[in-house]
Amino acid sequence: MNLVCVHVHVKPEHREAFIEATLENARNTVQEPGNLRFDVLQQADDPNRFVLYEVYRDDAGAAAHKQTAHYARWRDTVAPWMQEPRQGIKYLPLFPTAEDQWAARR
């Protein structure tokens, strides 16, 4: 399983446009065969900070996501709206496992 949390700090004047673009990307991403989960989280005490919680079946699923038109559109659109470069941090999932995730989708 491939799990990444992408931390994003958006300029306040672009927050609403960022949310709109990110939700469009998320809606498309969850339709990808290798995607298990894509959550868009807004920080409660700072509405300009977000975490994108992305879970893919494997590294190939994550790589395939980065080849999609919707990801490229999102990446290029939101880049100038960032207060600082986004930071993706990979994690090792302990629970639930990939098998648990796939069973839940059936």
N, C-alpha and C. Protein backbone atom coordinates (compact mmCIF):
# COMPACT_ATOMS: atom_id res chain seq x y z
N MET A 1 0.85 -1.17 0.00
CA MET A 1 0.00 0.00 0.00
C MET A 1 0.89 1.24 0.00
N ASN A 2 0.44 2.29 -0.66
CA ASN A 2 1.16 3.55 -0.73
C ASN A 2 0.27 4.61 -0.08
N LEU A 3 0.76 5.22 0.99
CA LEU A 3 0.00 6.22 1.72
C LEU A 3 0.85 7.48 1.84
N VAL A 4 0.24 8.60 1.50
CA VAL A 4 0.95 9.87 1.59
C VAL A 4 0.01 10.93 2.15
N CYS A 5 0.54 11.79 3.00
CA CYS A 5 -0.17 12.97 3.47
C CYS A 5 0.53 14.18 2.84
N VAL A 6 -0.23 14.94 2.08
CA VAL A 6 0.31 16.12 1.42
C VAL A 6 -0.13 17.34 2.23
N HIS A 7 0.83 18.07 2.76
CA HIS A 7 0.56 19.25 3.57
C HIS A 7 0.64 20.48 2.67
N VAL A 8 -0.42 21.29 2.72
CA VAL A 8 -0.52 22.44 1.84
C VAL A 8 -0.86 23.68 2.66
N HIS A 9 -0.15 24.76 2.39
CA HIS A 9 -0.42 26.06 3.00
C HIS A 9 -0.75 27.02 1.86
N VAL A 10 -1.99 27.47 1.82
CA VAL A 10 -2.50 28.26 0.70
C VAL A 10 -2.57 29.75 1.09
N LYS A 11 -2.30 30.60 0.12
CA LYS A 11 -2.48 32.04 0.34
C LYS A 11 -3.96 32.31 0.58
N PRO A 12 -4.29 33.14 1.57
CA PRO A 12 -5.70 33.35 1.95
C PRO A 12 -6.60 33.76 0.78
N GLU A 13 -6.09 34.57 -0.10
CA GLU A 13 -6.92 35.06 -1.21
C GLU A 13 -7.23 33.96 -2.24
N HIS A 14 -6.58 32.83 -2.14
CA HIS A 14 -6.81 31.72 -3.08
C HIS A 14 -7.46 30.50 -2.42
N ARG A 15 -7.82 30.64 -1.15
CA ARG A 15 -8.35 29.49 -0.40
C ARG A 15 -9.58 28.86 -1.07
N GLU A 16 -10.56 29.65 -1.42
CA GLU A 16 -11.80 29.09 -1.99
C GLU A 16 -11.54 28.44 -3.34
N ALA A 17 -10.73 29.06 -4.18
CA ALA A 17 -10.40 28.48 -5.48
C ALA A 17 -9.60 27.19 -5.29
N PHE A 18 -8.70 27.18 -4.30
CA PHE A 18 -7.95 25.96 -4.01
C PHE A 18 -8.88 24.83 -3.61
N ILE A 19 -9.83 25.12 -2.74
CA ILE A 19 -10.78 24.09 -2.31
C ILE A 19 -11.54 23.54 -3.51
N GLU A 20 -12.03 24.41 -4.36
CA GLU A 20 -12.79 23.97 -5.53
C GLU A 20 -11.94 23.08 -6.44
N ALA A 21 -10.73 23.51 -6.74
CA ALA A 21 -9.84 22.73 -7.62
C ALA A 21 -9.46 21.40 -6.98
N THR A 22 -9.23 21.42 -5.68
CA THR A 22 -8.81 20.21 -4.98
C THR A 22 -9.95 19.20 -4.88
N LEU A 23 -11.16 19.66 -4.65
CA LEU A 23 -12.30 18.75 -4.61
C LEU A 23 -12.54 18.11 -5.97
N GLU A 24 -12.35 18.87 -7.04
CA GLU A 24 -12.48 18.30 -8.39
C GLU A 24 -11.44 17.20 -8.60
N ASN A 25 -10.21 17.47 -8.20
CA ASN A 25 -9.15 16.47 -8.31
C ASN A 25 -9.48 15.23 -7.47
N ALA A 26 -9.96 15.43 -6.26
CA ALA A 26 -10.29 14.31 -5.38
C ALA A 26 -11.41 13.46 -5.96
N ARG A 27 -12.45 14.10 -6.49
CA ARG A 27 -13.57 13.35 -7.07
C ARG A 27 -13.11 12.48 -8.24
N ASN A 28 -12.18 12.97 -9.01
CA ASN A 28 -11.64 12.17 -10.12
C ASN A 28 -10.70 11.08 -9.61
N THR A 29 -9.91 11.40 -8.60
CA THR A 29 -8.93 10.45 -8.09
C THR A 29 -9.61 9.21 -7.51
N VAL A 30 -10.71 9.38 -6.80
CA VAL A 30 -11.35 8.21 -6.18
C VAL A 30 -11.95 7.27 -7.21
N GLN A 31 -12.01 7.70 -8.48
CA GLN A 31 -12.48 6.84 -9.56
C GLN A 31 -11.35 6.00 -10.17
N GLU A 32 -10.11 6.31 -9.81
CA GLU A 32 -8.97 5.57 -10.35
C GLU A 32 -8.93 4.16 -9.75
N PRO A 33 -8.61 3.16 -10.56
CA PRO A 33 -8.61 1.78 -10.05
C PRO A 33 -7.60 1.52 -8.94
N GLY A 34 -6.51 2.25 -8.90
CA GLY A 34 -5.50 2.03 -7.88
C GLY A 34 -5.68 2.85 -6.62
N ASN A 35 -6.70 3.71 -6.58
CA ASN A 35 -6.91 4.56 -5.41
C ASN A 35 -7.85 3.89 -4.42
N LEU A 36 -7.47 3.92 -3.16
CA LEU A 36 -8.32 3.39 -2.10
C LEU A 36 -9.03 4.50 -1.32
N ARG A 37 -8.38 5.67 -1.24
CA ARG A 37 -8.95 6.75 -0.44
C ARG A 37 -8.27 8.06 -0.81
N PHE A 38 -9.06 9.14 -0.79
CA PHE A 38 -8.50 10.47 -1.01
C PHE A 38 -9.34 11.44 -0.18
N ASP A 39 -8.80 11.87 0.94
CA ASP A 39 -9.50 12.80 1.83
C ASP A 39 -8.89 14.19 1.68
N VAL A 40 -9.75 15.19 1.71
CA VAL A 40 -9.31 16.58 1.71
C VAL A 40 -9.68 17.15 3.07
N LEU A 41 -8.67 17.53 3.84
CA LEU A 41 -8.87 18.00 5.21
C LEU A 41 -8.41 19.44 5.34
N GLN A 42 -9.23 20.25 6.00
CA GLN A 42 -8.88 21.65 6.25
C GLN A 42 -8.58 21.79 7.73
N GLN A 43 -7.48 22.43 8.07
CA GLN A 43 -7.08 22.59 9.47
C GLN A 43 -8.10 23.46 10.19
N ALA A 44 -8.56 23.02 11.36
CA ALA A 44 -9.62 23.70 12.09
C ALA A 44 -9.21 25.09 12.57
N ASP A 45 -7.98 25.27 13.01
CA ASP A 45 -7.57 26.56 13.57
C ASP A 45 -6.82 27.44 12.58
N ASP A 46 -6.65 26.97 11.35
CA ASP A 46 -6.03 27.79 10.29
C ASP A 46 -6.63 27.33 8.96
N PRO A 47 -7.66 28.01 8.48
CA PRO A 47 -8.38 27.56 7.28
C PRO A 47 -7.55 27.62 6.00
N ASN A 48 -6.33 28.11 6.07
CA ASN A 48 -5.46 28.17 4.89
C ASN A 48 -4.50 26.98 4.82
N ARG A 49 -4.64 26.07 5.76
CA ARG A 49 -3.79 24.87 5.77
C ARG A 49 -4.65 23.64 5.55
N PHE A 50 -4.12 22.73 4.72
CA PHE A 50 -4.85 21.54 4.32
C PHE A 50 -3.93 20.33 4.37
N VAL A 51 -4.55 19.17 4.52
CA VAL A 51 -3.86 17.90 4.36
C VAL A 51 -4.65 17.08 3.37
N LEU A 52 -3.97 16.55 2.37
CA LEU A 52 -4.58 15.61 1.43
C LEU A 52 -4.09 14.23 1.85
N TYR A 53 -5.01 13.40 2.24
CA TYR A 53 -4.70 12.06 2.73
C TYR A 53 -4.99 11.10 1.58
N GLU A 54 -3.94 10.56 0.99
CA GLU A 54 -4.07 9.75 -0.22
C GLU A 54 -3.59 8.33 0.05
N VAL A 55 -4.42 7.35 -0.30
CA VAL A 55 -4.06 5.95 -0.13
C VAL A 55 -4.27 5.24 -1.47
N TYR A 56 -3.20 4.58 -1.91
CA TYR A 56 -3.23 3.83 -3.16
C TYR A 56 -2.92 2.37 -2.86
N ARG A 57 -3.43 1.51 -3.71
CA ARG A 57 -3.23 0.08 -3.52
C ARG A 57 -1.74 -0.26 -3.46
N ASP A 58 -0.95 0.41 -4.31
CA ASP A 58 0.49 0.13 -4.38
C ASP A 58 1.18 1.32 -5.02
N ASP A 59 2.50 1.21 -5.19
CA ASP A 59 3.27 2.30 -5.80
C ASP A 59 2.83 2.57 -7.23
N ALA A 60 2.43 1.51 -7.95
CA ALA A 60 1.97 1.68 -9.33
C ALA A 60 0.71 2.53 -9.38
N GLY A 61 -0.19 2.34 -8.42
CA GLY A 61 -1.41 3.15 -8.37
C GLY A 61 -1.10 4.61 -8.12
N ALA A 62 -0.15 4.87 -7.23
CA ALA A 62 0.25 6.26 -6.94
C ALA A 62 0.91 6.88 -8.16
N ALA A 63 1.76 6.10 -8.84
CA ALA A 63 2.43 6.61 -10.04
C ALA A 63 1.43 6.87 -11.15
N ALA A 64 0.44 6.00 -11.30
CA ALA A 64 -0.59 6.18 -12.34
C ALA A 64 -1.38 7.46 -12.08
N HIS A 65 -1.65 7.75 -10.82
CA HIS A 65 -2.37 8.98 -10.47
C HIS A 65 -1.63 10.21 -10.99
N LYS A 66 -0.32 10.21 -10.85
CA LYS A 66 0.46 11.38 -11.27
C LYS A 66 0.53 11.52 -12.79
N GLN A 67 0.04 10.54 -13.52
CA GLN A 67 0.00 10.61 -14.98
C GLN A 67 -1.36 11.05 -15.51
N THR A 68 -2.33 11.26 -14.63
CA THR A 68 -3.68 11.62 -15.08
C THR A 68 -3.77 13.10 -15.44
N ALA A 69 -4.70 13.39 -16.32
CA ALA A 69 -4.94 14.78 -16.72
C ALA A 69 -5.46 15.61 -15.55
N HIS A 70 -6.33 15.02 -14.73
CA HIS A 70 -6.88 15.81 -13.62
C HIS A 70 -5.81 16.17 -12.59
N TYR A 71 -4.85 15.27 -12.36
CA TYR A 71 -3.76 15.61 -11.43
C TYR A 71 -2.90 16.73 -12.01
N ALA A 72 -2.53 16.61 -13.28
CA ALA A 72 -1.70 17.64 -13.92
C ALA A 72 -2.39 19.00 -13.89
N ARG A 73 -3.69 19.00 -14.17
CA ARG A 73 -4.47 20.25 -14.14
C ARG A 73 -4.45 20.84 -12.73
N TRP A 74 -4.69 19.97 -11.72
CA TRP A 74 -4.68 20.45 -10.34
C TRP A 74 -3.32 21.01 -9.97
N ARG A 75 -2.26 20.23 -10.22
CA ARG A 75 -0.89 20.62 -9.87
C ARG A 75 -0.54 21.98 -10.46
N ASP A 76 -0.80 22.15 -11.74
CA ASP A 76 -0.43 23.39 -12.42
C ASP A 76 -1.30 24.57 -11.99
N THR A 77 -2.56 24.30 -11.70
CA THR A 77 -3.48 25.36 -11.30
C THR A 77 -3.16 25.89 -9.91
N VAL A 78 -2.93 25.00 -8.95
CA VAL A 78 -2.79 25.44 -7.56
C VAL A 78 -1.38 25.87 -7.17
N ALA A 79 -0.39 25.52 -7.96
CA ALA A 79 1.00 25.85 -7.59
C ALA A 79 1.22 27.32 -7.23
N PRO A 80 0.72 28.27 -8.02
CA PRO A 80 0.96 29.67 -7.66
C PRO A 80 0.14 30.16 -6.46
N TRP A 81 -0.80 29.36 -5.99
CA TRP A 81 -1.64 29.74 -4.86
C TRP A 81 -1.04 29.35 -3.51
N MET A 82 0.08 28.66 -3.54
CA MET A 82 0.66 28.14 -2.31
C MET A 82 1.51 29.19 -1.60
N GLN A 83 1.35 29.23 -0.30
CA GLN A 83 2.16 30.11 0.55
C GLN A 83 3.60 29.60 0.61
N GLU A 84 3.75 28.29 0.50
CA GLU A 84 5.05 27.62 0.50
C GLU A 84 4.86 26.33 -0.29
N PRO A 85 5.93 25.72 -0.77
CA PRO A 85 5.76 24.48 -1.54
C PRO A 85 5.05 23.40 -0.71
N ARG A 86 4.17 22.66 -1.38
CA ARG A 86 3.48 21.57 -0.67
C ARG A 86 4.49 20.50 -0.30
N GLN A 87 4.17 19.76 0.74
CA GLN A 87 5.09 18.74 1.23
C GLN A 87 4.34 17.41 1.36
N GLY A 88 4.77 16.42 0.59
CA GLY A 88 4.20 15.09 0.67
C GLY A 88 5.06 14.21 1.56
N ILE A 89 4.44 13.60 2.54
CA ILE A 89 5.15 12.73 3.47
C ILE A 89 4.54 11.33 3.37
N LYS A 90 5.38 10.34 3.07
CA LYS A 90 4.91 8.96 2.97
C LYS A 90 4.84 8.33 4.36
N TYR A 91 3.82 7.48 4.53
CA TYR A 91 3.63 6.77 5.79
C TYR A 91 3.48 5.28 5.51
N LEU A 92 3.76 4.48 6.52
CA LEU A 92 3.54 3.04 6.45
C LEU A 92 2.26 2.74 7.23
N PRO A 93 1.26 2.23 6.57
CA PRO A 93 0.00 1.95 7.27
C PRO A 93 0.10 0.68 8.13
N LEU A 94 -0.29 0.80 9.37
CA LEU A 94 -0.31 -0.34 10.27
C LEU A 94 -1.72 -0.92 10.37
N PHE A 95 -2.72 -0.04 10.37
CA PHE A 95 -4.11 -0.47 10.39
C PHE A 95 -4.95 0.67 9.84
N PRO A 96 -5.88 0.43 8.96
CA PRO A 96 -6.18 -0.86 8.36
C PRO A 96 -5.16 -1.23 7.29
N THR A 97 -5.09 -2.49 6.97
CA THR A 97 -4.16 -2.97 5.95
C THR A 97 -4.78 -2.76 4.57
N ALA A 98 -3.99 -2.99 3.54
CA ALA A 98 -4.49 -2.88 2.17
C ALA A 98 -5.65 -3.85 1.95
N GLU A 99 -5.56 -5.03 2.50
CA GLU A 99 -6.62 -6.02 2.34
C GLU A 99 -7.91 -5.53 3.00
N ASP A 100 -7.80 -4.89 4.17
CA ASP A 100 -8.97 -4.32 4.84
C ASP A 100 -9.62 -3.24 3.98
N GLN A 101 -8.78 -2.41 3.36
CA GLN A 101 -9.29 -1.32 2.52
C GLN A 101 -10.05 -1.87 1.32
N TRP A 102 -9.45 -2.87 0.66
CA TRP A 102 -10.10 -3.45 -0.53
C TRP A 102 -11.39 -4.16 -0.14
N ALA A 103 -11.40 -4.86 0.98
CA ALA A 103 -12.62 -5.55 1.43
C ALA A 103 -13.73 -4.55 1.69
N ALA A 104 -13.40 -3.39 2.23
CA ALA A 104 -14.40 -2.37 2.51
C ALA A 104 -15.00 -1.79 1.24
N ARG A 105 -14.28 -1.81 0.14
CA ARG A 105 -14.78 -1.25 -1.12
C ARG A 105 -15.67 -2.23 -1.87
N ARG A 106 -15.66 -3.51 -1.49
CA ARG A 106 -16.46 -4.50 -2.21
C ARG A 106 -17.89 -4.49 -1.80
